[in-house]
Amino acid sequence: MSKPLHISISERLSEMIFSGDYTEGDQLPTEPSLAKTLGVSRATLREALKHLEMDGILYRRHGIGTFVKSKAPAITLDL
């Protein structure tokens, strides 16, 4: 079974961050620009960004943009 598209996109963005395309503190391109670059809808991109934000890799500032928070994924313990 194939992965949902937003999961594939979040993995692709993670690879871009971990490979050095974006570093800690960098601002990502605007959603329309990034969606076009990745060949997905803004809705799919937003879902992917939400996953990376929940993982502690990105953070968003309303009206300003999306930024790389950390190159290391946050470790969550579901106890």
PDB file of N, CA and C in Angstrom:
ATOM      1  N   MET A   1       0.846  -1.158   0.000  1.00  0.00           N
ATOM      2  CA  MET A   1       0.000   0.000   0.000  1.00  0.00           C
ATOM      3  C   MET A   1       0.905   1.239   0.000  1.00  0.00           C
ATOM      4  N   SER A   2       0.547   2.237  -0.810  1.00  0.00           N
ATOM      5  CA  SER A   2       1.364   3.442  -0.885  1.00  0.00           C
ATOM      6  C   SER A   2       1.010   4.413   0.241  1.00  0.00           C
ATOM      7  N   LYS A   3       1.968   5.290   0.537  1.00  0.00           N
ATOM      8  CA  LYS A   3       1.782   6.283   1.597  1.00  0.00           C
ATOM      9  C   LYS A   3       0.878   7.405   1.100  1.00  0.00           C
ATOM     10  N   PRO A   4       0.188   8.061   2.018  1.00  0.00           N
ATOM     11  CA  PRO A   4      -0.554   9.260   1.635  1.00  0.00           C
ATOM     12  C   PRO A   4       0.425  10.318   1.109  1.00  0.00           C
ATOM     13  N   LEU A   5      -0.039  11.143   0.188  1.00  0.00           N
ATOM     14  CA  LEU A   5       0.824  12.125  -0.451  1.00  0.00           C
ATOM     15  C   LEU A   5       1.442  13.104   0.551  1.00  0.00           C
ATOM     16  N   HIS A   6       0.663  13.536   1.541  1.00  0.00           N
ATOM     17  CA  HIS A   6       1.216  14.501   2.493  1.00  0.00           C
ATOM     18  C   HIS A   6       2.365  13.911   3.310  1.00  0.00           C
ATOM     19  N   ILE A   7       2.325  12.600   3.548  1.00  0.00           N
ATOM     20  CA  ILE A   7       3.429  11.939   4.257  1.00  0.00           C
ATOM     21  C   ILE A   7       4.674  11.915   3.369  1.00  0.00           C
ATOM     22  N   SER A   8       4.501  11.586   2.095  1.00  0.00           N
ATOM     23  CA  SER A   8       5.634  11.587   1.158  1.00  0.00           C
ATOM     24  C   SER A   8       6.249  12.972   1.049  1.00  0.00           C
ATOM     25  N   ILE A   9       5.405  13.998   1.014  1.00  0.00           N
ATOM     26  CA  ILE A   9       5.903  15.368   0.915  1.00  0.00           C
ATOM     27  C   ILE A   9       6.626  15.776   2.195  1.00  0.00           C
ATOM     28  N   SER A  10       6.100  15.394   3.363  1.00  0.00           N
ATOM     29  CA  SER A  10       6.792  15.739   4.612  1.00  0.00           C
ATOM     30  C   SER A  10       8.147  15.032   4.679  1.00  0.00           C
ATOM     31  N   GLU A  11       8.235  13.816   4.182  1.00  0.00           N
ATOM     32  CA  GLU A  11       9.515  13.103   4.155  1.00  0.00           C
ATOM     33  C   GLU A  11      10.482  13.792   3.193  1.00  0.00           C
ATOM     34  N   ARG A  12       9.956  14.239   2.061  1.00  0.00           N
ATOM     35  CA  ARG A  12      10.800  14.934   1.087  1.00  0.00           C
ATOM     36  C   ARG A  12      11.333  16.252   1.670  1.00  0.00           C
ATOM     37  N   LEU A  13      10.475  16.993   2.346  1.00  0.00           N
ATOM     38  CA  LEU A  13      10.908  18.230   2.990  1.00  0.00           C
ATOM     39  C   LEU A  13      11.942  17.951   4.083  1.00  0.00           C
ATOM     40  N   SER A  14      11.737  16.885   4.845  1.00  0.00           N
ATOM     41  CA  SER A  14      12.711  16.492   5.873  1.00  0.00           C
ATOM     42  C   SER A  14      14.066  16.220   5.247  1.00  0.00           C
ATOM     43  N   GLU A  15      14.066  15.505   4.127  1.00  0.00           N
ATOM     44  CA  GLU A  15      15.316  15.213   3.431  1.00  0.00           C
ATOM     45  C   GLU A  15      15.998  16.494   2.976  1.00  0.00           C
ATOM     46  N   MET A  16      15.200  17.464   2.494  1.00  0.00           N
ATOM     47  CA  MET A  16      15.761  18.740   2.058  1.00  0.00           C
ATOM     48  C   MET A  16      16.409  19.468   3.240  1.00  0.00           C
ATOM     49  N   ILE A  17      15.782  19.399   4.393  1.00  0.00           N
ATOM     50  CA  ILE A  17      16.323  20.054   5.587  1.00  0.00           C
ATOM     51  C   ILE A  17      17.581  19.335   6.065  1.00  0.00           C
ATOM     52  N   PHE A  18      17.514  18.009   6.165  1.00  0.00           N
ATOM     53  CA  PHE A  18      18.643  17.249   6.688  1.00  0.00           C
ATOM     54  C   PHE A  18      19.832  17.225   5.736  1.00  0.00           C
ATOM     55  N   SER A  19      19.578  17.420   4.432  1.00  0.00           N
ATOM     56  CA  SER A  19      20.679  17.427   3.465  1.00  0.00           C
ATOM     57  C   SER A  19      21.381  18.775   3.407  1.00  0.00           C
ATOM     58  N   GLY A  20      20.787  19.794   4.053  1.00  0.00           N
ATOM     59  CA  GLY A  20      21.430  21.098   4.083  1.00  0.00           C
ATOM     60  C   GLY A  20      20.833  22.121   3.137  1.00  0.00           C
ATOM     61  N   ASP A  21      19.787  21.742   2.374  1.00  0.00           N
ATOM     62  CA  ASP A  21      19.124  22.726   1.518  1.00  0.00           C
ATOM     63  C   ASP A  21      18.572  23.871   2.363  1.00  0.00           C
ATOM     64  N   TYR A  22      18.088  23.541   3.531  1.00  0.00           N
ATOM     65  CA  TYR A  22      17.606  24.529   4.500  1.00  0.00           C
ATOM     66  C   TYR A  22      18.280  24.219   5.825  1.00  0.00           C
ATOM     67  N   THR A  23      18.695  25.253   6.523  1.00  0.00           N
ATOM     68  CA  THR A  23      19.343  25.053   7.812  1.00  0.00           C
ATOM     69  C   THR A  23      18.522  25.704   8.917  1.00  0.00           C
ATOM     70  N   GLU A  24      18.898  25.433  10.140  1.00  0.00           N
ATOM     71  CA  GLU A  24      18.170  25.947  11.292  1.00  0.00           C
ATOM     72  C   GLU A  24      18.039  27.465  11.209  1.00  0.00           C
ATOM     73  N   GLY A  25      16.807  27.945  11.344  1.00  0.00           N
ATOM     74  CA  GLY A  25      16.533  29.373  11.276  1.00  0.00           C
ATOM     75  C   GLY A  25      16.132  29.866   9.901  1.00  0.00           C
ATOM     76  N   ASP A  26      16.356  29.064   8.867  1.00  0.00           N
ATOM     77  CA  ASP A  26      15.980  29.467   7.506  1.00  0.00           C
ATOM     78  C   ASP A  26      14.470  29.543   7.365  1.00  0.00           C
ATOM     79  N   GLN A  27      14.036  30.493   6.558  1.00  0.00           N
ATOM     80  CA  GLN A  27      12.621  30.595   6.234  1.00  0.00           C
ATOM     81  C   GLN A  27      12.365  29.826   4.948  1.00  0.00           C
ATOM     82  N   LEU A  28      11.325  28.994   4.956  1.00  0.00           N
ATOM     83  CA  LEU A  28      10.947  28.263   3.759  1.00  0.00           C
ATOM     84  C   LEU A  28      10.286  29.227   2.776  1.00  0.00           C
ATOM     85  N   PRO A  29      10.277  28.872   1.496  1.00  0.00           N
ATOM     86  CA  PRO A  29       9.550  29.697   0.527  1.00  0.00           C
ATOM     87  C   PRO A  29       8.069  29.765   0.895  1.00  0.00           C
ATOM     88  N   THR A  30       7.350  30.699   0.291  1.00  0.00           N
ATOM     89  CA  THR A  30       5.920  30.828   0.548  1.00  0.00           C
ATOM     90  C   THR A  30       5.205  29.532   0.170  1.00  0.00           C
ATOM     91  N   GLU A  31       4.042  29.307   0.772  1.00  0.00           N
ATOM     92  CA  GLU A  31       3.286  28.085   0.481  1.00  0.00           C
ATOM     93  C   GLU A  31       2.986  27.923  -1.009  1.00  0.00           C
ATOM     94  N   PRO A  32       2.508  28.969  -1.702  1.00  0.00           N
ATOM     95  CA  PRO A  32       2.243  28.773  -3.134  1.00  0.00           C
ATOM     96  C   PRO A  32       3.495  28.394  -3.923  1.00  0.00           C
ATOM     97  N   SER A  33       4.614  29.029  -3.594  1.00  0.00           N
ATOM     98  CA  SER A  33       5.867  28.742  -4.292  1.00  0.00           C
ATOM     99  C   SER A  33       6.356  27.324  -3.997  1.00  0.00           C
ATOM    100  N   LEU A  34       6.326  26.936  -2.734  1.00  0.00           N
ATOM    101  CA  LEU A  34       6.788  25.605  -2.336  1.00  0.00           C
ATOM    102  C   LEU A  34       5.871  24.516  -2.898  1.00  0.00           C
ATOM    103  N   ALA A  35       4.569  24.762  -2.883  1.00  0.00           N
ATOM    104  CA  ALA A  35       3.621  23.793  -3.444  1.00  0.00           C
ATOM    105  C   ALA A  35       3.876  23.590  -4.930  1.00  0.00           C
ATOM    106  N   LYS A  36       4.139  24.679  -5.627  1.00  0.00           N
ATOM    107  CA  LYS A  36       4.419  24.587  -7.067  1.00  0.00           C
ATOM    108  C   LYS A  36       5.716  23.821  -7.318  1.00  0.00           C
ATOM    109  N   THR A  37       6.745  24.124  -6.524  1.00  0.00           N
ATOM    110  CA  THR A  37       8.037  23.442  -6.657  1.00  0.00           C
ATOM    111  C   THR A  37       7.888  21.935  -6.436  1.00  0.00           C
ATOM    112  N   LEU A  38       7.082  21.560  -5.437  1.00  0.00           N
ATOM    113  CA  LEU A  38       6.903  20.145  -5.099  1.00  0.00           C
ATOM    114  C   LEU A  38       5.824  19.469  -5.929  1.00  0.00           C
ATOM    115  N   GLY A  39       5.060  20.251  -6.684  1.00  0.00           N
ATOM    116  CA  GLY A  39       4.032  19.683  -7.559  1.00  0.00           C
ATOM    117  C   GLY A  39       2.819  19.162  -6.820  1.00  0.00           C
ATOM    118  N   VAL A  40       2.451  19.847  -5.733  1.00  0.00           N
ATOM    119  CA  VAL A  40       1.282  19.427  -4.946  1.00  0.00           C
ATOM    120  C   VAL A  40       0.380  20.625  -4.688  1.00  0.00           C
ATOM    121  N   SER A  41      -0.809  20.364  -4.196  1.00  0.00           N
ATOM    122  CA  SER A  41      -1.728  21.438  -3.833  1.00  0.00           C
ATOM    123  C   SER A  41      -1.276  22.076  -2.526  1.00  0.00           C
ATOM    124  N   ARG A  42      -1.767  23.283  -2.270  1.00  0.00           N
ATOM    125  CA  ARG A  42      -1.434  23.944  -1.004  1.00  0.00           C
ATOM    126  C   ARG A  42      -2.008  23.164   0.177  1.00  0.00           C
ATOM    127  N   ALA A  43      -3.162  22.540  -0.006  1.00  0.00           N
ATOM    128  CA  ALA A  43      -3.764  21.760   1.081  1.00  0.00           C
ATOM    129  C   ALA A  43      -2.857  20.589   1.470  1.00  0.00           C
ATOM    130  N   THR A  44      -2.310  19.909   0.472  1.00  0.00           N
ATOM    131  CA  THR A  44      -1.394  18.795   0.734  1.00  0.00           C
ATOM    132  C   THR A  44      -0.127  19.306   1.409  1.00  0.00           C
ATOM    133  N   LEU A  45       0.396  20.425   0.920  1.00  0.00           N
ATOM    134  CA  LEU A  45       1.592  21.007   1.515  1.00  0.00           C
ATOM    135  C   LEU A  45       1.341  21.404   2.962  1.00  0.00           C
ATOM    136  N   ARG A  46       0.208  22.021   3.239  1.00  0.00           N
ATOM    137  CA  ARG A  46      -0.103  22.433   4.607  1.00  0.00           C
ATOM    138  C   ARG A  46      -0.160  21.243   5.554  1.00  0.00           C
ATOM    139  N   GLU A  47      -0.732  20.149   5.091  1.00  0.00           N
ATOM    140  CA  GLU A  47      -0.798  18.940   5.921  1.00  0.00           C
ATOM    141  C   GLU A  47       0.616  18.414   6.191  1.00  0.00           C
ATOM    142  N   ALA A  48       1.473  18.430   5.185  1.00  0.00           N
ATOM    143  CA  ALA A  48       2.857  17.986   5.363  1.00  0.00           C
ATOM    144  C   ALA A  48       3.594  18.905   6.340  1.00  0.00           C
ATOM    145  N   LEU A  49       3.391  20.217   6.202  1.00  0.00           N
ATOM    146  CA  LEU A  49       4.035  21.166   7.103  1.00  0.00           C
ATOM    147  C   LEU A  49       3.550  20.980   8.535  1.00  0.00           C
ATOM    148  N   LYS A  50       2.264  20.659   8.675  1.00  0.00           N
ATOM    149  CA  LYS A  50       1.704  20.422  10.010  1.00  0.00           C
ATOM    150  C   LYS A  50       2.401  19.247  10.685  1.00  0.00           C
ATOM    151  N   HIS A  51       2.669  18.191   9.932  1.00  0.00           N
ATOM    152  CA  HIS A  51       3.366  17.025  10.491  1.00  0.00           C
ATOM    153  C   HIS A  51       4.781  17.395  10.927  1.00  0.00           C
ATOM    154  N   LEU A  52       5.471  18.177  10.108  1.00  0.00           N
ATOM    155  CA  LEU A  52       6.837  18.575  10.463  1.00  0.00           C
ATOM    156  C   LEU A  52       6.843  19.526  11.650  1.00  0.00           C
ATOM    157  N   GLU A  53       5.808  20.331  11.760  1.00  0.00           N
ATOM    158  CA  GLU A  53       5.695  21.219  12.923  1.00  0.00           C
ATOM    159  C   GLU A  53       5.448  20.400  14.188  1.00  0.00           C
ATOM    160  N   MET A  54       4.596  19.392  14.104  1.00  0.00           N
ATOM    161  CA  MET A  54       4.321  18.533  15.259  1.00  0.00           C
ATOM    162  C   MET A  54       5.559  17.743  15.664  1.00  0.00           C
ATOM    163  N   ASP A  55       6.431  17.434  14.694  1.00  0.00           N
ATOM    164  CA  ASP A  55       7.675  16.711  14.982  1.00  0.00           C
ATOM    165  C   ASP A  55       8.773  17.625  15.514  1.00  0.00           C
ATOM    166  N   GLY A  56       8.505  18.935  15.581  1.00  0.00           N
ATOM    167  CA  GLY A  56       9.485  19.867  16.111  1.00  0.00           C
ATOM    168  C   GLY A  56      10.560  20.282  15.125  1.00  0.00           C
ATOM    169  N   ILE A  57      10.328  20.048  13.847  1.00  0.00           N
ATOM    170  CA  ILE A  57      11.319  20.389  12.831  1.00  0.00           C
ATOM    171  C   ILE A  57      11.083  21.794  12.281  1.00  0.00           C
ATOM    172  N   LEU A  58       9.825  22.198  12.212  1.00  0.00           N
ATOM    173  CA  LEU A  58       9.453  23.511  11.705  1.00  0.00           C
ATOM    174  C   LEU A  58       8.641  24.268  12.742  1.00  0.00           C
ATOM    175  N   TYR A  59       8.592  25.575  12.578  1.00  0.00           N
ATOM    176  CA  TYR A  59       7.626  26.384  13.327  1.00  0.00           C
ATOM    177  C   TYR A  59       7.092  27.455  12.393  1.00  0.00           C
ATOM    178  N   ARG A  60       5.876  27.886  12.668  1.00  0.00           N
ATOM    179  CA  ARG A  60       5.222  28.883  11.828  1.00  0.00           C
ATOM    180  C   ARG A  60       4.918  30.122  12.633  1.00  0.00           C
ATOM    181  N   ARG A  61       5.034  31.259  11.964  1.00  0.00           N
ATOM    182  CA  ARG A  61       4.650  32.543  12.551  1.00  0.00           C
ATOM    183  C   ARG A  61       3.606  33.135  11.629  1.00  0.00           C
ATOM    184  N   HIS A  62       2.399  33.262  12.138  1.00  0.00           N
ATOM    185  CA  HIS A  62       1.283  33.741  11.338  1.00  0.00           C
ATOM    186  C   HIS A  62       1.619  35.083  10.686  1.00  0.00           C
ATOM    187  N   GLY A  63       1.426  35.147   9.385  1.00  0.00           N
ATOM    188  CA  GLY A  63       1.683  36.373   8.646  1.00  0.00           C
ATOM    189  C   GLY A  63       3.133  36.606   8.305  1.00  0.00           C
ATOM    190  N   ILE A  64       4.026  35.748   8.804  1.00  0.00           N
ATOM    191  CA  ILE A  64       5.455  35.923   8.549  1.00  0.00           C
ATOM    192  C   ILE A  64       6.007  34.784   7.707  1.00  0.00           C
ATOM    193  N   GLY A  65       5.761  33.535   8.127  1.00  0.00           N
ATOM    194  CA  GLY A  65       6.250  32.407   7.343  1.00  0.00           C
ATOM    195  C   GLY A  65       6.528  31.178   8.171  1.00  0.00           C
ATOM    196  N   THR A  66       7.145  30.204   7.507  1.00  0.00           N
ATOM    197  CA  THR A  66       7.499  28.923   8.117  1.00  0.00           C
ATOM    198  C   THR A  66       9.016  28.834   8.169  1.00  0.00           C
ATOM    199  N   PHE A  67       9.535  28.426   9.320  1.00  0.00           N
ATOM    200  CA  PHE A  67      10.972  28.420   9.558  1.00  0.00           C
ATOM    201  C   PHE A  67      11.438  27.047  10.027  1.00  0.00           C
ATOM    202  N   VAL A  68      12.710  26.743   9.742  1.00  0.00           N
ATOM    203  CA  VAL A  68      13.321  25.505  10.227  1.00  0.00           C
ATOM    204  C   VAL A  68      13.690  25.721  11.689  1.00  0.00           C
ATOM    205  N   LYS A  69      13.137  24.874  12.537  1.00  0.00           N
ATOM    206  CA  LYS A  69      13.396  24.970  13.971  1.00  0.00           C
ATOM    207  C   LYS A  69      14.644  24.185  14.347  1.00  0.00           C
ATOM    208  N   SER A  70      14.723  22.973  13.832  1.00  0.00           N
ATOM    209  CA  SER A  70      15.811  22.096  14.220  1.00  0.00           C
ATOM    210  C   SER A  70      16.051  21.077  13.126  1.00  0.00           C
ATOM    211  N   LYS A  71      17.303  20.684  12.970  1.00  0.00           N
ATOM    212  CA  LYS A  71      17.612  19.630  12.007  1.00  0.00           C
ATOM    213  C   LYS A  71      17.374  18.253  12.591  1.00  0.00           C
ATOM    214  N   ALA A  72      17.340  18.165  13.911  1.00  0.00           N
ATOM    215  CA  ALA A  72      17.148  16.868  14.562  1.00  0.00           C
ATOM    216  C   ALA A  72      15.672  16.690  14.903  1.00  0.00           C
ATOM    217  N   PRO A  73      15.081  15.581  14.466  1.00  0.00           N
ATOM    218  CA  PRO A  73      13.678  15.362  14.820  1.00  0.00           C
ATOM    219  C   PRO A  73      13.508  15.200  16.322  1.00  0.00           C
ATOM    220  N   ALA A  74      12.429  15.742  16.829  1.00  0.00           N
ATOM    221  CA  ALA A  74      12.125  15.604  18.243  1.00  0.00           C
ATOM    222  C   ALA A  74      11.732  14.157  18.534  1.00  0.00           C
ATOM    223  N   ILE A  75      12.129  13.653  19.667  1.00  0.00           N
ATOM    224  CA  ILE A  75      11.783  12.300  20.056  1.00  0.00           C
ATOM    225  C   ILE A  75      10.603  12.391  21.012  1.00  0.00           C
ATOM    226  N   THR A  76       9.541  11.742  20.647  1.00  0.00           N
ATOM    227  CA  THR A  76       8.372  11.739  21.518  1.00  0.00           C
ATOM    228  C   THR A  76       8.185  10.363  22.105  1.00  0.00           C
ATOM    229  N   LEU A  77       7.834  10.329  23.365  1.00  0.00           N
ATOM    230  CA  LEU A  77       7.594   9.063  24.038  1.00  0.00           C
ATOM    231  C   LEU A  77       6.090   8.941  24.322  1.00  0.00           C
ATOM    232  N   ASP A  78       5.490   7.942  23.761  1.00  0.00           N
ATOM    233  CA  ASP A  78       4.084   7.699  24.011  1.00  0.00           C
ATOM    234  C   ASP A  78       3.976   6.632  25.094  1.00  0.00           C
ATOM    235  N   LEU A  79       3.987   7.088  26.318  1.00  0.00           N
ATOM    236  CA  LEU A  79       3.944   6.152  27.441  1.00  0.00           C
ATOM    237  C   LEU A  79       2.541   5.869  27.853  1.00  0.00           C
TER     238      LEU A  79
END
